[in-house]
Amino acid sequence: MFEHFLPAPGAQAQPLAPEDFDALDDILDELRTRLDETPQWEFCEGFLAALVCSRRAVPPAEYLPVLLGLPMEGEVLAEGQGSFRDEAQAREFAGLWQRRWAEVQAALDAEVQTLDDERCYHPELMDQRAAVLELDEAERAGIRLEDLPAFAQVWALGFMFAVESWPEDWATPRERELAEQLDGGLGALVALTEDDHEPPEIAPFGEGPPTVSQERVNTLADAIWAVYDLRALWRQLGPRIATVRAEASPGRNDPCSCGSGKKYKKCCGA
């Protein structure tokens, strides 16, 4: 199953259309019937963006069990536990995931100067508060807008979930300037994981009553630029090099570690 998620060599970004995101939502809804902790796509979108930025190329066999609760390689789940319904569903999700991955990666590698650039990365977001306001009064009875996620909050939570799942890959660089760049970038994402407490002024998709504050829009813009900075930071540094630690050698007059009873200088150290 995991091999379906490996990008094909030279794969080009094929932007997902609205119906493709609908298909992703349908698959996640179906997965949720077997694992109720299956996240919504906005969370997956943030998680994917963090993987694209990550210093190490985390393989699908490692990240899919973390994101979707899928079985690890060789693991057999009990009946009723979470997994794809069948091979066809796994292939469909993998194909859409690969296309979105290529699209996000191409956007983050593009030389853009403004968020209005059509090549710029724009996360796929929902305005859950606006969706509730569109319901009739009977349907939204008992639903408090402040109990729903703020705009882009779920996306930021997905990004930070990936960061927290692989702390070694997001460890602070030794160089002060790079450490500050990492701290600033992650700080912008963390700010977006908080609620929007300011008065709503903007309808983010241009229709309906305002549900988002201007401050929230600015915080989202900062977070998007932070994702660009984080991608550039780890590409500049390259993969982490594992530290090789040499075992301490015995002193010349210490007993030899081979167990001969002789001094090290008269045995293996001769």
Protein backbone atom coordinates (compact mmCIF):
# COMPACT_ATOMS: atom_id res chain seq x y z
CA MET A 1 0.00 0.00 0.00
CA PHE A 2 2.70 2.52 0.97
CA GLU A 3 4.39 2.21 -2.41
CA HIS A 4 1.35 3.95 -3.95
CA PHE A 5 2.37 7.13 -2.13
CA LEU A 6 5.89 7.30 -3.55
CA PRO A 7 6.05 10.07 -6.17
CA ALA A 8 6.83 8.96 -9.70
CA PRO A 9 10.20 10.23 -11.02
CA GLY A 10 9.76 13.55 -12.79
CA ALA A 11 6.12 13.88 -11.73
CA GLN A 12 4.68 17.31 -12.51
CA ALA A 13 2.24 19.25 -10.37
CA GLN A 14 -1.33 18.73 -11.58
CA PRO A 15 -3.43 21.11 -9.50
CA LEU A 16 -6.36 19.54 -7.73
CA ALA A 17 -9.78 20.76 -8.79
CA PRO A 18 -12.65 21.32 -6.31
CA GLU A 19 -14.06 17.90 -7.15
CA ASP A 20 -10.69 16.34 -6.26
CA PHE A 21 -10.80 17.88 -2.80
CA ASP A 22 -14.38 16.60 -2.51
CA ALA A 23 -13.10 13.12 -3.33
CA LEU A 24 -10.45 13.42 -0.61
CA ASP A 25 -13.13 14.49 1.88
CA ASP A 26 -15.27 11.50 0.90
CA ILE A 27 -12.40 9.07 1.44
CA LEU A 28 -11.55 10.60 4.83
CA ASP A 29 -15.22 10.42 5.82
CA GLU A 30 -15.27 6.73 4.90
CA LEU A 31 -12.04 6.09 6.82
CA ARG A 32 -13.62 7.82 9.81
CA THR A 33 -16.29 5.09 9.97
CA ARG A 34 -13.51 2.70 11.07
CA LEU A 35 -11.27 5.16 12.91
CA ASP A 36 -13.12 8.15 14.34
CA GLU A 37 -9.86 10.04 14.91
CA THR A 38 -9.27 10.34 11.14
CA PRO A 39 -8.58 14.06 10.54
CA GLN A 40 -10.29 16.31 8.05
CA TRP A 41 -8.46 17.37 4.91
CA GLU A 42 -7.44 20.80 6.23
CA PHE A 43 -5.42 19.08 8.97
CA CYS A 44 -3.90 16.72 6.36
CA GLU A 45 -3.04 19.75 4.22
CA GLY A 46 -1.03 21.30 7.04
CA PHE A 47 0.64 17.96 7.81
CA LEU A 48 1.58 17.55 4.15
CA ALA A 49 3.04 21.06 3.97
CA ALA A 50 5.24 20.31 6.98
CA LEU A 51 6.46 17.09 5.36
CA VAL A 52 7.36 19.00 2.21
CA CYS A 53 9.36 21.45 4.35
CA SER A 54 10.98 18.81 6.57
CA ARG A 55 14.74 18.53 6.67
CA ARG A 56 14.48 14.77 6.10
CA ALA A 57 12.36 13.05 3.48
CA VAL A 58 10.03 11.14 5.80
CA PRO A 59 8.84 7.99 3.96
CA PRO A 60 5.12 7.20 3.56
CA ALA A 61 5.46 4.01 5.62
CA GLU A 62 6.51 6.26 8.51
CA TYR A 63 4.12 9.20 8.19
CA LEU A 64 0.85 7.55 7.09
CA PRO A 65 0.41 5.55 10.33
CA VAL A 66 0.95 8.81 12.25
CA LEU A 67 -1.50 10.84 10.16
CA LEU A 68 -4.24 8.34 9.36
CA GLY A 69 -3.70 5.61 11.93
CA LEU A 70 -2.94 3.14 9.14
CA PRO A 71 -1.15 -0.09 10.06
CA MET A 72 2.62 -0.12 10.10
CA GLU A 73 4.32 -2.37 7.54
CA GLY A 74 3.73 -5.97 8.56
CA GLU A 75 1.10 -5.04 11.15
CA VAL A 76 -2.27 -6.81 11.00
CA LEU A 77 -5.25 -4.87 12.34
CA ALA A 78 -8.16 -6.40 14.17
CA GLU A 79 -11.53 -6.34 12.44
CA GLY A 80 -13.11 -2.89 12.54
CA GLN A 81 -9.87 -0.98 12.98
CA GLY A 82 -8.87 1.83 10.65
CA SER A 83 -7.50 1.25 7.17
CA PHE A 84 -8.46 1.86 3.58
CA ARG A 85 -11.55 0.02 2.46
CA ASP A 86 -9.75 -1.70 -0.39
CA GLU A 87 -6.85 -1.39 -2.81
CA ALA A 88 -8.83 0.85 -5.16
CA GLN A 89 -9.52 3.37 -2.40
CA ALA A 90 -5.88 3.37 -1.33
CA ARG A 91 -4.77 4.02 -4.92
CA GLU A 92 -7.29 6.84 -5.37
CA PHE A 93 -6.20 8.60 -2.18
CA ALA A 94 -2.51 8.07 -3.00
CA GLY A 95 -2.94 9.55 -6.48
CA LEU A 96 -4.64 12.67 -5.13
CA TRP A 97 -2.08 12.94 -2.31
CA GLN A 98 0.83 12.76 -4.78
CA ARG A 99 -0.69 15.44 -6.97
CA ARG A 100 -1.26 17.78 -4.03
CA TRP A 101 2.27 17.07 -2.74
CA ALA A 102 3.78 18.00 -6.13
CA GLU A 103 1.60 21.10 -6.30
CA VAL A 104 2.58 22.30 -2.82
CA GLN A 105 6.26 21.56 -3.42
CA ALA A 106 6.28 23.45 -6.72
CA ALA A 107 4.58 26.43 -5.08
CA LEU A 108 7.05 26.52 -2.18
CA ASP A 109 10.00 26.34 -4.57
CA ALA A 110 8.68 29.14 -6.79
CA GLU A 111 10.26 32.60 -6.58
CA VAL A 112 7.24 34.61 -5.45
CA GLN A 113 7.18 38.12 -4.02
CA THR A 114 3.52 38.51 -3.10
CA LEU A 115 0.72 36.26 -1.95
CA ASP A 116 -1.27 37.43 -4.98
CA ASP A 117 1.13 35.58 -7.30
CA GLU A 118 -0.79 32.71 -8.88
CA ARG A 119 2.23 30.45 -8.25
CA CYS A 120 2.12 31.13 -4.50
CA TYR A 121 1.18 28.41 -2.02
CA HIS A 122 -2.35 28.79 -0.77
CA PRO A 123 -3.48 26.11 1.67
CA GLU A 124 -6.85 24.49 1.14
CA LEU A 125 -8.90 25.90 4.01
CA MET A 126 -12.44 25.77 5.32
CA ASP A 127 -14.41 28.54 7.00
CA GLN A 128 -16.42 26.39 9.40
CA ARG A 129 -18.01 29.39 11.10
CA ALA A 130 -19.33 30.69 7.78
CA ALA A 131 -20.68 27.23 6.95
CA VAL A 132 -22.70 27.21 10.19
CA LEU A 133 -24.04 30.71 9.55
CA GLU A 134 -25.41 29.46 6.21
CA LEU A 135 -27.59 26.93 8.02
CA ASP A 136 -31.15 27.83 8.88
CA GLU A 137 -31.93 28.80 12.45
CA ALA A 138 -33.20 25.35 13.44
CA GLU A 139 -30.10 23.56 12.09
CA ARG A 140 -27.65 25.79 13.90
CA ALA A 141 -29.51 25.80 17.19
CA GLY A 142 -27.11 25.07 20.03
CA ILE A 143 -23.99 25.60 17.90
CA ARG A 144 -21.74 28.35 19.22
CA LEU A 145 -19.41 29.88 16.65
CA GLU A 146 -16.68 30.34 19.26
CA ASP A 147 -16.63 26.56 19.78
CA LEU A 148 -15.70 26.00 16.12
CA PRO A 149 -12.10 26.20 14.83
CA ALA A 150 -11.01 29.64 13.71
CA PHE A 151 -10.07 30.20 10.08
CA ALA A 152 -6.83 28.30 9.19
CA GLN A 153 -6.47 27.00 12.76
CA VAL A 154 -6.85 23.34 11.74
CA TRP A 155 -4.26 23.75 8.98
CA ALA A 156 -1.74 25.18 11.44
CA LEU A 157 -2.48 22.40 13.93
CA GLY A 158 -1.78 19.81 11.22
CA PHE A 159 1.53 21.47 10.39
CA MET A 160 2.63 21.58 14.01
CA PHE A 161 1.50 17.99 14.59
CA ALA A 162 4.01 16.86 11.95
CA VAL A 163 6.74 19.03 13.51
CA GLU A 164 6.08 17.58 16.96
CA SER A 165 5.96 14.01 15.60
CA TRP A 166 9.55 14.22 14.31
CA PRO A 167 11.37 16.55 16.74
CA GLU A 168 14.84 15.39 15.67
CA ASP A 169 14.16 16.51 12.11
CA TRP A 170 13.13 19.94 13.42
CA ALA A 171 15.92 20.30 15.99
CA THR A 172 17.32 23.80 16.40
CA PRO A 173 20.43 24.46 14.26
CA ARG A 174 23.60 25.49 16.07
CA GLU A 175 24.08 28.69 14.09
CA ARG A 176 22.33 31.56 15.86
CA GLU A 177 20.91 33.16 12.71
CA LEU A 178 19.45 29.87 11.48
CA ALA A 179 18.11 29.05 14.94
CA GLU A 180 16.31 32.39 15.00
CA GLN A 181 14.92 31.74 11.53
CA LEU A 182 13.52 28.38 12.66
CA ASP A 183 12.11 29.84 15.86
CA GLY A 184 10.48 32.71 14.01
CA GLY A 185 8.96 30.45 11.37
CA LEU A 186 7.50 28.00 13.85
CA GLY A 187 6.32 30.88 16.00
CA ALA A 188 4.23 32.18 13.11
CA LEU A 189 2.61 28.76 12.72
CA VAL A 190 1.98 28.45 16.45
CA ALA A 191 0.27 31.87 16.47
CA LEU A 192 -2.19 30.51 13.91
CA THR A 193 -3.05 27.52 16.12
CA GLU A 194 -4.69 29.98 18.54
CA ASP A 195 -8.27 31.22 18.30
CA ASP A 196 -9.31 34.41 16.52
CA HIS A 197 -10.44 36.66 19.35
CA GLU A 198 -10.73 39.90 17.37
CA PRO A 199 -14.00 41.22 15.91
CA PRO A 200 -14.84 39.66 12.52
CA GLU A 201 -14.40 42.05 9.61
CA ILE A 202 -13.82 39.85 6.56
CA ALA A 203 -15.58 37.04 4.71
CA PRO A 204 -12.47 35.14 3.50
CA PHE A 205 -14.17 33.68 0.44
CA GLY A 206 -15.93 36.90 -0.49
CA GLU A 207 -19.51 35.88 0.35
CA GLY A 208 -21.70 35.90 3.42
CA PRO A 209 -21.24 37.69 6.73
CA PRO A 210 -17.74 38.44 8.05
CA THR A 211 -16.25 35.66 10.16
CA VAL A 212 -12.53 36.52 10.22
CA SER A 213 -10.67 39.46 11.72
CA GLN A 214 -8.12 41.50 9.80
CA GLU A 215 -5.54 40.44 12.37
CA ARG A 216 -6.28 36.81 11.54
CA VAL A 217 -5.73 37.45 7.85
CA ASN A 218 -2.38 39.05 8.68
CA THR A 219 -1.43 36.10 10.91
CA LEU A 220 -2.24 33.68 8.10
CA ALA A 221 -0.10 35.66 5.68
CA ASP A 222 2.80 35.56 8.14
CA ALA A 223 2.36 31.79 8.49
CA ILE A 224 2.41 31.21 4.73
CA TRP A 225 5.65 33.20 4.39
CA ALA A 226 7.00 31.24 7.35
CA VAL A 227 6.40 28.00 5.46
CA TYR A 228 8.50 29.39 2.60
CA ASP A 229 11.25 30.31 5.05
CA LEU A 230 11.21 26.86 6.69
CA ARG A 231 11.41 25.11 3.33
CA ALA A 232 14.38 27.30 2.36
CA LEU A 233 16.07 26.78 5.72
CA TRP A 234 16.13 22.98 5.58
CA ARG A 235 17.07 22.95 1.90
CA GLN A 236 20.03 25.17 2.75
CA LEU A 237 21.20 22.91 5.58
CA GLY A 238 20.49 19.57 3.91
CA PRO A 239 19.81 16.28 5.72
CA ARG A 240 21.09 15.83 9.24
CA ILE A 241 24.31 13.83 9.59
CA ALA A 242 24.14 11.24 12.33
CA THR A 243 26.72 11.73 15.05
CA VAL A 244 29.10 8.78 15.35
CA ARG A 245 30.17 8.26 18.94
CA ALA A 246 33.34 6.24 19.50
CA GLU A 247 33.33 3.88 22.47
CA ALA A 248 35.83 4.79 25.16
CA SER A 249 39.02 2.70 24.94
CA PRO A 250 40.46 1.23 28.16
CA GLY A 251 43.63 2.76 29.58
CA ARG A 252 46.92 0.98 28.85
CA ASN A 253 47.10 -0.39 32.39
CA ASP A 254 43.38 -1.25 32.65
CA PRO A 255 42.18 -4.88 32.38
CA CYS A 256 41.61 -5.77 28.73
CA SER A 257 37.97 -5.77 27.71
CA CYS A 258 38.35 -9.15 25.98
CA GLY A 259 38.33 -10.86 29.36
CA SER A 260 41.81 -12.38 29.15
CA GLY A 261 42.78 -11.03 32.57
CA LYS A 262 45.83 -9.29 31.11
CA LYS A 263 46.43 -5.55 31.02
CA TYR A 264 45.19 -3.85 27.86
CA LYS A 265 48.77 -2.89 26.82
CA LYS A 266 49.84 -6.54 27.03
CA CYS A 267 46.80 -7.89 25.18
CA CYS A 268 44.57 -6.25 22.55
CA GLY A 269 46.40 -2.95 22.91
CA ALA A 270 49.80 -4.47 22.12
